[in-house]
């Protein structure tokens, strides 16, 4: 179960438009919902990147 709340936000319209096209969303609300779902689905990856960064970061093995 989830709770919906009305929010009044100032957002960059060009970002919403780009995300809407990319996500093929029908409405701006659907666009934002899908974008939030994507971020939450990637939570484990984001946490792993933060742990690696704290441990010293990544080594670029392709650097010439």
C-alpha atoms as a PDB file:
ATOM      1  CA  UNK A   1       0.000   0.000   0.000  1.00  0.00           C
ATOM      2  CA  UNK A   2       1.275   3.452  -0.776  1.00  0.00           C
ATOM      3  CA  UNK A   3       0.196   6.921   0.157  1.00  0.00           C
ATOM      4  CA  UNK A   4      -0.224   9.648  -2.433  1.00  0.00           C
ATOM      5  CA  UNK A   5       0.324  13.251  -1.448  1.00  0.00           C
ATOM      6  CA  UNK A   6       0.006  16.432  -3.419  1.00  0.00           C
ATOM      7  CA  UNK A   7       3.356  18.104  -4.035  1.00  0.00           C
ATOM      8  CA  UNK A   8       4.105  21.479  -5.532  1.00  0.00           C
ATOM      9  CA  UNK A   9       7.594  21.438  -7.000  1.00  0.00           C
ATOM     10  CA  UNK A  10       9.612  23.675  -9.285  1.00  0.00           C
ATOM     11  CA  UNK A  11      11.158  21.319 -11.853  1.00  0.00           C
ATOM     12  CA  UNK A  12      13.133  21.816 -15.038  1.00  0.00           C
ATOM     13  CA  UNK A  13      10.557  21.387 -17.810  1.00  0.00           C
ATOM     14  CA  UNK A  14      13.161  20.364 -20.382  1.00  0.00           C
ATOM     15  CA  UNK A  15      14.287  17.483 -18.131  1.00  0.00           C
ATOM     16  CA  UNK A  16      10.695  16.333 -17.698  1.00  0.00           C
ATOM     17  CA  UNK A  17      10.127  16.502 -21.458  1.00  0.00           C
ATOM     18  CA  UNK A  18      13.305  14.521 -22.200  1.00  0.00           C
ATOM     19  CA  UNK A  19      12.499  11.895 -19.561  1.00  0.00           C
ATOM     20  CA  UNK A  20       8.918  11.640 -20.804  1.00  0.00           C
ATOM     21  CA  UNK A  21      10.087  10.877 -24.342  1.00  0.00           C
ATOM     22  CA  UNK A  22      12.727   8.434 -23.135  1.00  0.00           C
ATOM     23  CA  UNK A  23      10.322   6.592 -20.813  1.00  0.00           C
ATOM     24  CA  UNK A  24       7.445   6.848 -23.309  1.00  0.00           C
ATOM     25  CA  UNK A  25       5.254   8.092 -20.481  1.00  0.00           C
ATOM     26  CA  UNK A  26       1.794   9.457 -21.183  1.00  0.00           C
ATOM     27  CA  UNK A  27       1.771  12.148 -18.504  1.00  0.00           C
ATOM     28  CA  UNK A  28       4.273  14.192 -16.511  1.00  0.00           C
ATOM     29  CA  UNK A  29       3.138  12.467 -13.337  1.00  0.00           C
ATOM     30  CA  UNK A  30       3.761   9.068 -14.904  1.00  0.00           C
ATOM     31  CA  UNK A  31       7.177  10.300 -16.032  1.00  0.00           C
ATOM     32  CA  UNK A  32       8.178  11.271 -12.509  1.00  0.00           C
ATOM     33  CA  UNK A  33       6.770   8.041 -11.034  1.00  0.00           C
ATOM     34  CA  UNK A  34       8.734   5.936 -13.541  1.00  0.00           C
ATOM     35  CA  UNK A  35      11.921   7.916 -12.918  1.00  0.00           C
ATOM     36  CA  UNK A  36      11.590   7.415  -9.160  1.00  0.00           C
ATOM     37  CA  UNK A  37      10.921   3.697  -9.689  1.00  0.00           C
ATOM     38  CA  UNK A  38      14.122   3.436 -11.752  1.00  0.00           C
ATOM     39  CA  UNK A  39      16.209   5.113  -9.057  1.00  0.00           C
ATOM     40  CA  UNK A  40      14.755   2.886  -6.347  1.00  0.00           C
ATOM     41  CA  UNK A  41      15.322  -0.233  -8.462  1.00  0.00           C
ATOM     42  CA  UNK A  42      19.008   0.725  -8.728  1.00  0.00           C
ATOM     43  CA  UNK A  43      19.388   1.212  -4.960  1.00  0.00           C
ATOM     44  CA  UNK A  44      21.763  -1.745  -4.487  1.00  0.00           C
ATOM     45  CA  UNK A  45      24.022  -0.522  -7.295  1.00  0.00           C
ATOM     46  CA  UNK A  46      24.108   3.023  -5.910  1.00  0.00           C
ATOM     47  CA  UNK A  47      25.003   1.710  -2.448  1.00  0.00           C
ATOM     48  CA  UNK A  48      27.774  -0.484  -3.886  1.00  0.00           C
ATOM     49  CA  UNK A  49      29.258   2.486  -5.777  1.00  0.00           C
ATOM     50  CA  UNK A  50      29.298   4.531  -2.579  1.00  0.00           C
ATOM     51  CA  UNK A  51      31.117   1.731  -0.733  1.00  0.00           C
ATOM     52  CA  UNK A  52      33.717   1.459  -3.498  1.00  0.00           C
ATOM     53  CA  UNK A  53      34.208   5.224  -3.542  1.00  0.00           C
ATOM     54  CA  UNK A  54      34.789   5.244   0.240  1.00  0.00           C
ATOM     55  CA  UNK A  55      37.297   2.394  -0.113  1.00  0.00           C
ATOM     56  CA  UNK A  56      39.404   4.327  -2.600  1.00  0.00           C
ATOM     57  CA  UNK A  57      37.400   4.433  -5.771  1.00  0.00           C
ATOM     58  CA  UNK A  58      37.788   2.779  -9.135  1.00  0.00           C
ATOM     59  CA  UNK A  59      40.983   2.231 -11.090  1.00  0.00           C
ATOM     60  CA  UNK A  60      40.803   3.110 -14.779  1.00  0.00           C
ATOM     61  CA  UNK A  61      42.469   0.099 -16.398  1.00  0.00           C
ATOM     62  CA  UNK A  62      41.855   1.572 -19.858  1.00  0.00           C
ATOM     63  CA  UNK A  63      43.884   4.741 -19.271  1.00  0.00           C
ATOM     64  CA  UNK A  64      46.632   5.233 -21.859  1.00  0.00           C
END
